[in-house]
Amino acid sequence: MISVKKVKNEPLNLLERIYLWEIARGLSVTMGHFFRNLFHPKAILTVPYPEKTIPLPGNARLRTRHRLKVRADGSPKCVACFLCQTACPAYCIHIEAAENPANPVEKYPAVFDIDLSRCVVCGMCVEACPEDAIAMDTGELPGGAGARAELLLTKESLLRNLPGEPSTLGAANRLANEYLKQEGKE
């Protein structure tokens, strides 16, 4: 059953029409925060990001700054298939392919750039990569640059493995090797 609530629609008095009381309440909240932060700066919850960072939770699966995985010989695992560039909804990945002189069947990226100023950190590039060559597991949050040029990641800045990760083992190979270790075949 629907109930009806009657509201008294009385005309506002002069003090209510010029909103002085509400303005005074708003200013008191603002000035309270101002003086509290002025005299007790250690109570401020804001972190000056580029200079100081908060440690990220270790157990969370976060999408952080990109990296290209490297093979044992130092070459990128990327074969320039353009799937990550195609899957990117922000069109922030630019790849130019070149022929691999050691293996004429396989290509490699001569240019692999990611523009972090356009990236939405969605992880679609990681999901689309069939070679498991790109990852977003560095633990570094993208952003916080002083100039726009610092937000452009080139192939040289992307090529790296995480500390403790063998360069020959990507995610797919790592799962296979863990299976072999469990079976005692390695």
N, C-alpha and C. Protein backbone atom coordinates (compact mmCIF):
# COMPACT_ATOMS: atom_id res chain seq x y z
N MET A 1 0.85 -1.17 0.00
CA MET A 1 0.00 0.00 0.00
C MET A 1 0.89 1.24 0.00
N ILE A 2 0.52 2.22 -0.74
CA ILE A 2 1.29 3.46 -0.85
C ILE A 2 0.84 4.43 0.21
N SER A 3 1.81 5.00 0.89
CA SER A 3 1.47 6.00 1.89
C SER A 3 1.83 7.39 1.37
N VAL A 4 1.13 8.36 1.83
CA VAL A 4 1.33 9.74 1.38
C VAL A 4 1.81 10.54 2.57
N LYS A 5 2.89 11.29 2.34
CA LYS A 5 3.41 12.15 3.38
C LYS A 5 3.12 13.59 2.99
N LYS A 6 2.50 14.31 3.88
CA LYS A 6 2.18 15.70 3.60
C LYS A 6 3.36 16.57 4.01
N VAL A 7 3.73 17.47 3.13
CA VAL A 7 4.85 18.37 3.36
C VAL A 7 4.29 19.78 3.49
N LYS A 8 4.78 20.49 4.49
CA LYS A 8 4.32 21.86 4.67
C LYS A 8 5.13 22.75 3.72
N ASN A 9 4.47 23.41 2.83
CA ASN A 9 5.12 24.34 1.90
C ASN A 9 4.91 25.77 2.37
N GLU A 10 5.65 26.12 3.40
CA GLU A 10 5.54 27.48 3.92
C GLU A 10 6.53 28.36 3.19
N PRO A 11 6.24 29.58 3.00
CA PRO A 11 7.20 30.48 2.34
C PRO A 11 8.43 30.69 3.22
N LEU A 12 9.60 30.84 2.57
CA LEU A 12 10.85 31.03 3.30
C LEU A 12 10.91 32.44 3.87
N ASN A 13 11.51 32.56 5.06
CA ASN A 13 11.70 33.90 5.61
C ASN A 13 12.95 34.54 4.97
N LEU A 14 13.27 35.74 5.36
CA LEU A 14 14.36 36.49 4.73
C LEU A 14 15.71 35.79 4.92
N LEU A 15 15.99 35.28 6.10
CA LEU A 15 17.26 34.61 6.37
C LEU A 15 17.40 33.35 5.54
N GLU A 16 16.32 32.64 5.36
CA GLU A 16 16.37 31.43 4.56
C GLU A 16 16.45 31.74 3.07
N ARG A 17 15.88 32.85 2.62
CA ARG A 17 15.92 33.19 1.20
C ARG A 17 17.30 33.64 0.75
N ILE A 18 18.09 34.24 1.59
CA ILE A 18 19.42 34.68 1.16
C ILE A 18 20.50 33.66 1.53
N TYR A 19 20.13 32.57 2.09
CA TYR A 19 20.99 31.41 2.36
C TYR A 19 22.22 31.74 3.21
N LEU A 20 22.12 32.73 4.09
CA LEU A 20 23.27 33.09 4.92
C LEU A 20 23.67 31.97 5.86
N TRP A 21 22.68 31.30 6.44
CA TRP A 21 23.00 30.24 7.39
C TRP A 21 23.74 29.10 6.69
N GLU A 22 23.31 28.72 5.49
CA GLU A 22 23.98 27.63 4.75
C GLU A 22 25.37 28.04 4.30
N ILE A 23 25.54 29.28 3.91
CA ILE A 23 26.86 29.78 3.53
C ILE A 23 27.80 29.74 4.74
N ALA A 24 27.31 30.15 5.89
CA ALA A 24 28.12 30.14 7.10
C ALA A 24 28.49 28.71 7.49
N ARG A 25 27.56 27.76 7.36
CA ARG A 25 27.88 26.36 7.67
C ARG A 25 28.95 25.82 6.73
N GLY A 26 28.84 26.11 5.44
CA GLY A 26 29.84 25.66 4.47
C GLY A 26 31.21 26.25 4.73
N LEU A 27 31.24 27.54 5.04
CA LEU A 27 32.52 28.18 5.34
C LEU A 27 33.14 27.63 6.63
N SER A 28 32.30 27.30 7.61
CA SER A 28 32.86 26.76 8.85
C SER A 28 33.51 25.40 8.61
N VAL A 29 32.93 24.56 7.75
CA VAL A 29 33.54 23.27 7.42
C VAL A 29 34.87 23.49 6.70
N THR A 30 34.87 24.37 5.71
CA THR A 30 36.09 24.65 4.95
C THR A 30 37.19 25.23 5.83
N MET A 31 36.85 26.20 6.65
CA MET A 31 37.87 26.82 7.52
C MET A 31 38.34 25.83 8.59
N GLY A 32 37.46 24.95 9.04
CA GLY A 32 37.88 23.93 10.00
C GLY A 32 38.94 23.01 9.40
N HIS A 33 38.72 22.56 8.16
CA HIS A 33 39.73 21.73 7.48
C HIS A 33 41.01 22.52 7.24
N PHE A 34 40.89 23.78 6.85
CA PHE A 34 42.07 24.61 6.57
C PHE A 34 42.96 24.75 7.80
N PHE A 35 42.38 25.14 8.93
CA PHE A 35 43.18 25.35 10.13
C PHE A 35 43.68 24.04 10.73
N ARG A 36 42.90 22.97 10.62
CA ARG A 36 43.35 21.67 11.11
C ARG A 36 44.59 21.22 10.32
N ASN A 37 44.57 21.37 8.99
CA ASN A 37 45.71 20.97 8.17
C ASN A 37 46.88 21.94 8.30
N LEU A 38 46.59 23.20 8.61
CA LEU A 38 47.66 24.18 8.76
C LEU A 38 48.47 23.93 10.03
N PHE A 39 47.80 23.60 11.12
CA PHE A 39 48.50 23.43 12.39
C PHE A 39 48.88 21.98 12.69
N HIS A 40 48.30 21.01 12.00
CA HIS A 40 48.62 19.59 12.18
C HIS A 40 48.84 18.94 10.81
N PRO A 41 49.95 19.26 10.12
CA PRO A 41 50.14 18.73 8.75
C PRO A 41 50.36 17.22 8.70
N LYS A 42 50.75 16.61 9.81
CA LYS A 42 50.95 15.15 9.79
C LYS A 42 49.64 14.39 9.72
N ALA A 43 48.53 15.05 10.00
CA ALA A 43 47.23 14.41 9.93
C ALA A 43 46.63 14.44 8.53
N ILE A 44 47.32 15.08 7.58
CA ILE A 44 46.81 15.17 6.21
C ILE A 44 46.92 13.79 5.56
N LEU A 45 45.87 13.36 4.89
CA LEU A 45 45.83 12.04 4.29
C LEU A 45 46.41 12.01 2.88
N THR A 46 46.75 13.15 2.31
CA THR A 46 47.27 13.21 0.95
C THR A 46 48.74 12.81 0.93
N VAL A 47 49.14 12.05 -0.09
CA VAL A 47 50.52 11.61 -0.25
C VAL A 47 51.13 12.36 -1.42
N PRO A 48 52.28 13.00 -1.25
CA PRO A 48 52.93 13.67 -2.40
C PRO A 48 53.50 12.62 -3.35
N TYR A 49 52.70 12.22 -4.37
CA TYR A 49 52.94 10.99 -5.12
C TYR A 49 54.31 10.83 -5.76
N PRO A 50 54.79 11.69 -6.60
CA PRO A 50 56.05 11.29 -7.25
C PRO A 50 57.21 11.15 -6.27
N GLU A 51 57.21 11.93 -5.20
CA GLU A 51 58.31 11.86 -4.24
C GLU A 51 58.15 10.71 -3.26
N LYS A 52 56.92 10.40 -2.88
CA LYS A 52 56.66 9.36 -1.88
C LYS A 52 55.56 8.45 -2.40
N THR A 53 55.72 7.16 -2.24
CA THR A 53 54.70 6.22 -2.70
C THR A 53 54.23 5.35 -1.54
N ILE A 54 53.03 4.86 -1.68
CA ILE A 54 52.47 3.92 -0.71
C ILE A 54 52.73 2.52 -1.26
N PRO A 55 53.25 1.59 -0.45
CA PRO A 55 53.48 0.25 -0.98
C PRO A 55 52.17 -0.42 -1.40
N LEU A 56 52.22 -1.08 -2.54
CA LEU A 56 51.05 -1.77 -3.05
C LEU A 56 50.86 -3.09 -2.32
N PRO A 57 49.63 -3.55 -2.18
CA PRO A 57 49.42 -4.84 -1.52
C PRO A 57 50.05 -5.96 -2.34
N GLY A 58 50.77 -6.85 -1.68
CA GLY A 58 51.51 -7.89 -2.38
C GLY A 58 50.64 -9.01 -2.91
N ASN A 59 49.51 -9.25 -2.29
CA ASN A 59 48.68 -10.37 -2.71
C ASN A 59 47.67 -10.00 -3.79
N ALA A 60 47.53 -8.72 -4.11
CA ALA A 60 46.54 -8.30 -5.10
C ALA A 60 47.09 -8.46 -6.51
N ARG A 61 46.22 -8.81 -7.43
CA ARG A 61 46.61 -8.92 -8.83
C ARG A 61 46.30 -7.58 -9.48
N LEU A 62 47.31 -6.74 -9.58
CA LEU A 62 47.13 -5.39 -10.08
C LEU A 62 47.64 -5.27 -11.50
N ARG A 63 47.05 -4.37 -12.25
CA ARG A 63 47.56 -4.02 -13.57
C ARG A 63 48.40 -2.76 -13.39
N THR A 64 49.71 -2.92 -13.52
CA THR A 64 50.61 -1.80 -13.34
C THR A 64 51.32 -1.51 -14.66
N ARG A 65 52.47 -0.83 -14.61
CA ARG A 65 53.16 -0.41 -15.82
C ARG A 65 53.54 -1.60 -16.70
N HIS A 66 53.52 -1.37 -18.01
CA HIS A 66 53.79 -2.42 -18.99
C HIS A 66 55.27 -2.79 -19.03
N ARG A 67 55.53 -3.99 -19.55
CA ARG A 67 56.89 -4.42 -19.86
C ARG A 67 56.82 -5.45 -20.97
N LEU A 68 57.89 -5.54 -21.75
CA LEU A 68 58.03 -6.59 -22.76
C LEU A 68 58.99 -7.62 -22.22
N LYS A 69 58.61 -8.87 -22.28
CA LYS A 69 59.46 -9.94 -21.77
C LYS A 69 60.59 -10.22 -22.76
N VAL A 70 61.69 -10.73 -22.23
CA VAL A 70 62.90 -10.95 -23.00
C VAL A 70 63.25 -12.43 -23.00
N ARG A 71 63.75 -12.91 -24.13
CA ARG A 71 64.22 -14.29 -24.22
C ARG A 71 65.62 -14.39 -23.62
N ALA A 72 66.14 -15.60 -23.60
CA ALA A 72 67.47 -15.83 -23.01
C ALA A 72 68.57 -15.11 -23.79
N ASP A 73 68.40 -14.95 -25.10
CA ASP A 73 69.43 -14.28 -25.90
C ASP A 73 69.29 -12.76 -25.88
N GLY A 74 68.31 -12.22 -25.16
CA GLY A 74 68.14 -10.78 -25.04
C GLY A 74 67.18 -10.19 -26.05
N SER A 75 66.64 -10.99 -26.94
CA SER A 75 65.69 -10.49 -27.92
C SER A 75 64.29 -10.46 -27.32
N PRO A 76 63.43 -9.59 -27.81
CA PRO A 76 62.06 -9.55 -27.26
C PRO A 76 61.26 -10.77 -27.66
N LYS A 77 60.37 -11.20 -26.78
CA LYS A 77 59.50 -12.33 -27.08
C LYS A 77 58.42 -11.94 -28.09
N CYS A 78 58.23 -10.65 -28.29
CA CYS A 78 57.20 -10.15 -29.20
C CYS A 78 57.55 -10.52 -30.64
N VAL A 79 56.56 -10.99 -31.39
CA VAL A 79 56.76 -11.35 -32.80
C VAL A 79 56.04 -10.37 -33.72
N ALA A 80 55.66 -9.22 -33.23
CA ALA A 80 55.02 -8.15 -34.00
C ALA A 80 53.80 -8.65 -34.75
N CYS A 81 52.89 -9.27 -34.03
CA CYS A 81 51.66 -9.78 -34.66
C CYS A 81 50.56 -8.73 -34.67
N PHE A 82 50.75 -7.62 -33.98
CA PHE A 82 49.83 -6.48 -33.93
C PHE A 82 48.51 -6.78 -33.21
N LEU A 83 48.42 -7.89 -32.50
CA LEU A 83 47.17 -8.19 -31.79
C LEU A 83 46.96 -7.25 -30.60
N CYS A 84 48.04 -6.90 -29.91
CA CYS A 84 47.88 -5.98 -28.77
C CYS A 84 47.49 -4.60 -29.27
N GLN A 85 48.06 -4.17 -30.38
CA GLN A 85 47.71 -2.88 -30.96
C GLN A 85 46.26 -2.87 -31.41
N THR A 86 45.79 -3.97 -31.96
CA THR A 86 44.41 -4.07 -32.43
C THR A 86 43.43 -4.13 -31.26
N ALA A 87 43.79 -4.81 -30.19
CA ALA A 87 42.89 -4.98 -29.04
C ALA A 87 42.81 -3.74 -28.16
N CYS A 88 43.76 -2.82 -28.28
CA CYS A 88 43.81 -1.65 -27.41
C CYS A 88 42.65 -0.70 -27.70
N PRO A 89 41.77 -0.45 -26.72
CA PRO A 89 40.63 0.45 -26.98
C PRO A 89 41.04 1.92 -27.04
N ALA A 90 42.20 2.28 -26.49
CA ALA A 90 42.63 3.67 -26.47
C ALA A 90 43.59 4.00 -27.61
N TYR A 91 43.96 3.01 -28.41
CA TYR A 91 44.89 3.20 -29.53
C TYR A 91 46.20 3.85 -29.07
N CYS A 92 46.75 3.34 -27.99
CA CYS A 92 47.97 3.94 -27.45
C CYS A 92 49.22 3.13 -27.79
N ILE A 93 49.09 2.00 -28.45
CA ILE A 93 50.23 1.16 -28.80
C ILE A 93 50.55 1.35 -30.27
N HIS A 94 51.84 1.59 -30.56
CA HIS A 94 52.31 1.75 -31.94
C HIS A 94 53.43 0.74 -32.18
N ILE A 95 53.25 -0.12 -33.17
CA ILE A 95 54.24 -1.16 -33.49
C ILE A 95 54.62 -1.04 -34.96
N GLU A 96 55.91 -1.17 -35.24
CA GLU A 96 56.41 -1.30 -36.61
C GLU A 96 57.23 -2.59 -36.66
N ALA A 97 56.86 -3.49 -37.57
CA ALA A 97 57.51 -4.79 -37.65
C ALA A 97 58.71 -4.73 -38.58
N ALA A 98 59.67 -5.63 -38.34
CA ALA A 98 60.85 -5.79 -39.20
C ALA A 98 61.17 -7.27 -39.28
N GLU A 99 61.90 -7.65 -40.34
CA GLU A 99 62.29 -9.05 -40.52
C GLU A 99 63.42 -9.39 -39.56
N ASN A 100 63.33 -10.57 -38.97
CA ASN A 100 64.37 -11.04 -38.07
C ASN A 100 65.50 -11.63 -38.90
N PRO A 101 66.74 -11.09 -38.80
CA PRO A 101 67.82 -11.61 -39.63
C PRO A 101 68.22 -13.04 -39.26
N ALA A 102 68.06 -13.43 -38.02
CA ALA A 102 68.43 -14.79 -37.60
C ALA A 102 67.38 -15.81 -38.04
N ASN A 103 66.13 -15.42 -38.07
CA ASN A 103 65.05 -16.32 -38.43
C ASN A 103 64.12 -15.59 -39.40
N PRO A 104 64.23 -15.86 -40.72
CA PRO A 104 63.42 -15.09 -41.68
C PRO A 104 61.92 -15.36 -41.59
N VAL A 105 61.51 -16.39 -40.89
CA VAL A 105 60.09 -16.69 -40.74
C VAL A 105 59.46 -15.78 -39.68
N GLU A 106 60.22 -15.42 -38.67
CA GLU A 106 59.70 -14.67 -37.54
C GLU A 106 60.03 -13.19 -37.67
N LYS A 107 59.07 -12.34 -37.31
CA LYS A 107 59.30 -10.90 -37.29
C LYS A 107 59.61 -10.47 -35.86
N TYR A 108 60.09 -9.25 -35.73
CA TYR A 108 60.31 -8.65 -34.42
C TYR A 108 59.88 -7.19 -34.50
N PRO A 109 59.57 -6.57 -33.37
CA PRO A 109 59.16 -5.16 -33.41
C PRO A 109 60.37 -4.23 -33.51
N ALA A 110 60.49 -3.52 -34.61
CA ALA A 110 61.54 -2.52 -34.73
C ALA A 110 61.19 -1.31 -33.87
N VAL A 111 59.90 -1.00 -33.79
CA VAL A 111 59.39 0.08 -32.94
C VAL A 111 58.23 -0.48 -32.14
N PHE A 112 58.26 -0.28 -30.84
CA PHE A 112 57.16 -0.68 -29.96
C PHE A 112 57.00 0.43 -28.94
N ASP A 113 56.01 1.29 -29.14
CA ASP A 113 55.79 2.44 -28.26
C ASP A 113 54.42 2.33 -27.60
N ILE A 114 54.37 2.71 -26.34
CA ILE A 114 53.11 2.80 -25.61
C ILE A 114 53.02 4.21 -25.04
N ASP A 115 51.95 4.90 -25.38
CA ASP A 115 51.72 6.26 -24.90
C ASP A 115 50.86 6.17 -23.63
N LEU A 116 51.49 6.33 -22.47
CA LEU A 116 50.77 6.20 -21.20
C LEU A 116 49.80 7.35 -20.96
N SER A 117 49.95 8.46 -21.70
CA SER A 117 48.99 9.55 -21.52
C SER A 117 47.63 9.19 -22.12
N ARG A 118 47.59 8.20 -22.99
CA ARG A 118 46.33 7.74 -23.58
C ARG A 118 45.88 6.40 -23.00
N CYS A 119 46.76 5.66 -22.37
CA CYS A 119 46.46 4.31 -21.89
C CYS A 119 45.44 4.36 -20.75
N VAL A 120 44.48 3.44 -20.79
CA VAL A 120 43.47 3.35 -19.75
C VAL A 120 43.74 2.19 -18.80
N VAL A 121 44.89 1.54 -18.91
CA VAL A 121 45.35 0.46 -18.05
C VAL A 121 44.27 -0.63 -17.92
N CYS A 122 43.77 -1.06 -19.07
CA CYS A 122 42.69 -2.06 -19.07
C CYS A 122 43.22 -3.48 -19.12
N GLY A 123 44.43 -3.69 -19.65
CA GLY A 123 45.00 -5.02 -19.73
C GLY A 123 44.57 -5.81 -20.95
N MET A 124 43.89 -5.19 -21.89
CA MET A 124 43.46 -5.90 -23.10
C MET A 124 44.65 -6.33 -23.94
N CYS A 125 45.73 -5.56 -23.93
CA CYS A 125 46.93 -5.91 -24.70
C CYS A 125 47.56 -7.19 -24.14
N VAL A 126 47.54 -7.35 -22.84
CA VAL A 126 48.11 -8.54 -22.21
C VAL A 126 47.27 -9.76 -22.56
N GLU A 127 45.96 -9.60 -22.53
CA GLU A 127 45.07 -10.71 -22.83
C GLU A 127 45.15 -11.13 -24.29
N ALA A 128 45.40 -10.17 -25.18
CA ALA A 128 45.41 -10.47 -26.62
C ALA A 128 46.72 -11.09 -27.09
N CYS A 129 47.79 -10.96 -26.36
CA CYS A 129 49.11 -11.41 -26.82
C CYS A 129 49.20 -12.94 -26.82
N PRO A 130 49.40 -13.57 -27.99
CA PRO A 130 49.49 -15.03 -28.03
C PRO A 130 50.86 -15.56 -27.58
N GLU A 131 51.86 -14.71 -27.57
CA GLU A 131 53.21 -15.13 -27.21
C GLU A 131 53.55 -14.86 -25.75
N ASP A 132 52.63 -14.28 -24.99
CA ASP A 132 52.88 -13.88 -23.61
C ASP A 132 54.11 -12.97 -23.54
N ALA A 133 54.18 -12.02 -24.46
CA ALA A 133 55.34 -11.15 -24.55
C ALA A 133 55.16 -9.85 -23.79
N ILE A 134 53.94 -9.41 -23.55
CA ILE A 134 53.69 -8.17 -22.83
C ILE A 134 53.02 -8.51 -21.51
N ALA A 135 53.43 -7.78 -20.48
CA ALA A 135 52.87 -8.01 -19.14
C ALA A 135 52.68 -6.67 -18.45
N MET A 136 51.79 -6.66 -17.48
CA MET A 136 51.54 -5.46 -16.67
C MET A 136 51.72 -5.82 -15.20
N ASP A 137 52.90 -6.31 -14.84
CA ASP A 137 53.14 -6.80 -13.49
C ASP A 137 54.39 -6.21 -12.86
N THR A 138 54.77 -5.01 -13.25
CA THR A 138 56.00 -4.42 -12.73
C THR A 138 55.86 -3.88 -11.32
N GLY A 139 54.64 -3.60 -10.88
CA GLY A 139 54.44 -3.02 -9.55
C GLY A 139 54.61 -1.52 -9.54
N GLU A 140 54.83 -0.89 -10.69
CA GLU A 140 54.97 0.55 -10.80
C GLU A 140 53.68 1.12 -11.36
N LEU A 141 53.12 2.10 -10.67
CA LEU A 141 51.88 2.70 -11.15
C LEU A 141 52.20 3.70 -12.26
N PRO A 142 51.51 3.63 -13.39
CA PRO A 142 51.77 4.59 -14.45
C PRO A 142 51.22 5.96 -14.10
N GLY A 143 51.90 6.99 -14.58
CA GLY A 143 51.47 8.36 -14.34
C GLY A 143 52.45 9.09 -13.45
N GLY A 144 52.14 10.32 -13.12
CA GLY A 144 52.99 11.12 -12.26
C GLY A 144 54.26 11.60 -12.94
N ALA A 145 54.16 12.03 -14.19
CA ALA A 145 55.32 12.49 -14.93
C ALA A 145 55.38 14.01 -14.92
N GLY A 146 56.59 14.53 -15.02
CA GLY A 146 56.78 15.97 -15.06
C GLY A 146 56.56 16.55 -16.44
N ALA A 147 56.79 15.77 -17.47
CA ALA A 147 56.61 16.22 -18.85
C ALA A 147 55.90 15.12 -19.64
N ARG A 148 55.25 15.52 -20.71
CA ARG A 148 54.49 14.57 -21.52
C ARG A 148 55.40 13.53 -22.17
N ALA A 149 56.63 13.92 -22.50
CA ALA A 149 57.57 13.00 -23.14
C ALA A 149 57.93 11.83 -22.23
N GLU A 150 57.84 12.01 -20.93
CA GLU A 150 58.15 10.94 -19.99
C GLU A 150 57.07 9.85 -19.99
N LEU A 151 55.90 10.14 -20.54
CA LEU A 151 54.82 9.18 -20.58
C LEU A 151 54.87 8.28 -21.81
N LEU A 152 55.83 8.48 -22.69
CA LEU A 152 55.98 7.65 -23.87
C LEU A 152 57.00 6.56 -23.57
N LEU A 153 56.54 5.31 -23.52
CA LEU A 153 57.43 4.18 -23.26
C LEU A 153 57.90 3.62 -24.59
N THR A 154 59.20 3.60 -24.81
CA THR A 154 59.76 3.05 -26.04
C THR A 154 60.13 1.59 -25.82
N LYS A 155 60.56 0.94 -26.89
CA LYS A 155 60.91 -0.48 -26.81
C LYS A 155 62.06 -0.70 -25.83
N GLU A 156 63.02 0.21 -25.82
CA GLU A 156 64.17 0.07 -24.91
C GLU A 156 63.75 0.16 -23.45
N SER A 157 62.79 1.03 -23.14
CA SER A 157 62.35 1.14 -21.75
C SER A 157 61.39 0.02 -21.36
N LEU A 158 60.77 -0.63 -22.34
CA LEU A 158 59.84 -1.73 -22.05
C LEU A 158 60.53 -3.08 -21.91
N LEU A 159 61.68 -3.26 -22.56
CA LEU A 159 62.36 -4.56 -22.55
C LEU A 159 63.03 -4.81 -21.21
N ARG A 160 62.46 -5.69 -20.42
CA ARG A 160 63.08 -6.08 -19.15
C ARG A 160 62.32 -7.24 -18.56
N ASN A 161 63.01 -7.97 -17.73
CA ASN A 161 62.38 -9.03 -16.93
C ASN A 161 62.39 -8.59 -15.49
N LEU A 162 61.47 -9.10 -14.73
CA LEU A 162 61.44 -8.78 -13.31
C LEU A 162 62.58 -9.49 -12.60
N PRO A 163 63.07 -8.93 -11.51
CA PRO A 163 64.14 -9.60 -10.77
C PRO A 163 63.70 -10.98 -10.30
N GLY A 164 64.57 -11.95 -10.51
CA GLY A 164 64.28 -13.32 -10.10
C GLY A 164 63.52 -14.12 -11.13
N GLU A 165 63.14 -13.50 -12.24
CA GLU A 165 62.42 -14.25 -13.27
C GLU A 165 63.40 -14.71 -14.34
N PRO A 166 63.54 -16.00 -14.55
CA PRO A 166 64.43 -16.46 -15.62
C PRO A 166 63.92 -15.99 -16.97
N SER A 167 64.82 -15.53 -17.81
CA SER A 167 64.39 -14.92 -19.07
C SER A 167 63.82 -15.94 -20.03
N THR A 168 64.13 -17.23 -19.87
CA THR A 168 63.60 -18.22 -20.81
C THR A 168 62.20 -18.66 -20.43
N LEU A 169 61.75 -18.31 -19.24
CA LEU A 169 60.46 -18.79 -18.78
C LEU A 169 59.43 -17.67 -18.82
N GLY A 170 58.49 -17.73 -19.74
CA GLY A 170 57.36 -16.83 -19.74
C GLY A 170 56.27 -17.44 -18.87
N ALA A 171 55.12 -16.85 -18.87
CA ALA A 171 54.04 -17.37 -18.03
C ALA A 171 53.59 -18.75 -18.49
N ALA A 172 53.49 -18.95 -19.81
CA ALA A 172 53.04 -20.26 -20.31
C ALA A 172 54.10 -21.32 -20.04
N ASN A 173 55.36 -21.01 -20.28
CA ASN A 173 56.43 -21.96 -20.02
C ASN A 173 56.59 -22.22 -18.52
N ARG A 174 56.35 -21.21 -17.70
CA ARG A 174 56.47 -21.36 -16.26
C ARG A 174 55.47 -22.39 -15.76
N LEU A 175 54.23 -22.33 -16.27
CA LEU A 175 53.22 -23.31 -15.85
C LEU A 175 53.62 -24.71 -16.28
N ALA A 176 54.17 -24.84 -17.49
CA ALA A 176 54.60 -26.16 -17.97
C ALA A 176 55.77 -26.67 -17.14
N ASN A 177 56.71 -25.81 -16.79
CA ASN A 177 57.85 -26.23 -15.99
C ASN A 177 57.45 -26.59 -14.57
N GLU A 178 56.47 -25.87 -14.01
CA GLU A 178 55.98 -26.23 -12.67
C GLU A 178 55.31 -27.60 -12.71
N TYR A 179 54.59 -27.89 -13.78
CA TYR A 179 53.97 -29.20 -13.93
C TYR A 179 55.02 -30.30 -14.03
N LEU A 180 56.09 -30.02 -14.80
CA LEU A 180 57.16 -31.01 -14.93
C LEU A 180 57.87 -31.24 -13.60
N LYS A 181 58.04 -30.17 -12.81
CA LYS A 181 58.69 -30.33 -11.50
C LYS A 181 57.83 -31.17 -10.58
N GLN A 182 56.52 -30.98 -10.64
CA GLN A 182 55.62 -31.77 -9.80
C GLN A 182 55.64 -33.24 -10.20
N GLU A 183 55.78 -33.49 -11.48
CA GLU A 183 55.82 -34.87 -11.97
C GLU A 183 57.20 -35.50 -11.78
N GLY A 184 58.23 -34.67 -11.48
CA GLY A 184 59.58 -35.18 -11.29
C GLY A 184 60.29 -35.52 -12.60
N LYS A 185 59.89 -34.85 -13.69
CA LYS A 185 60.48 -35.15 -14.98
C LYS A 185 61.60 -34.20 -15.35
N GLU A 186 61.78 -33.12 -14.60
CA GLU A 186 62.80 -32.15 -14.98
C GLU A 186 64.10 -32.36 -14.27
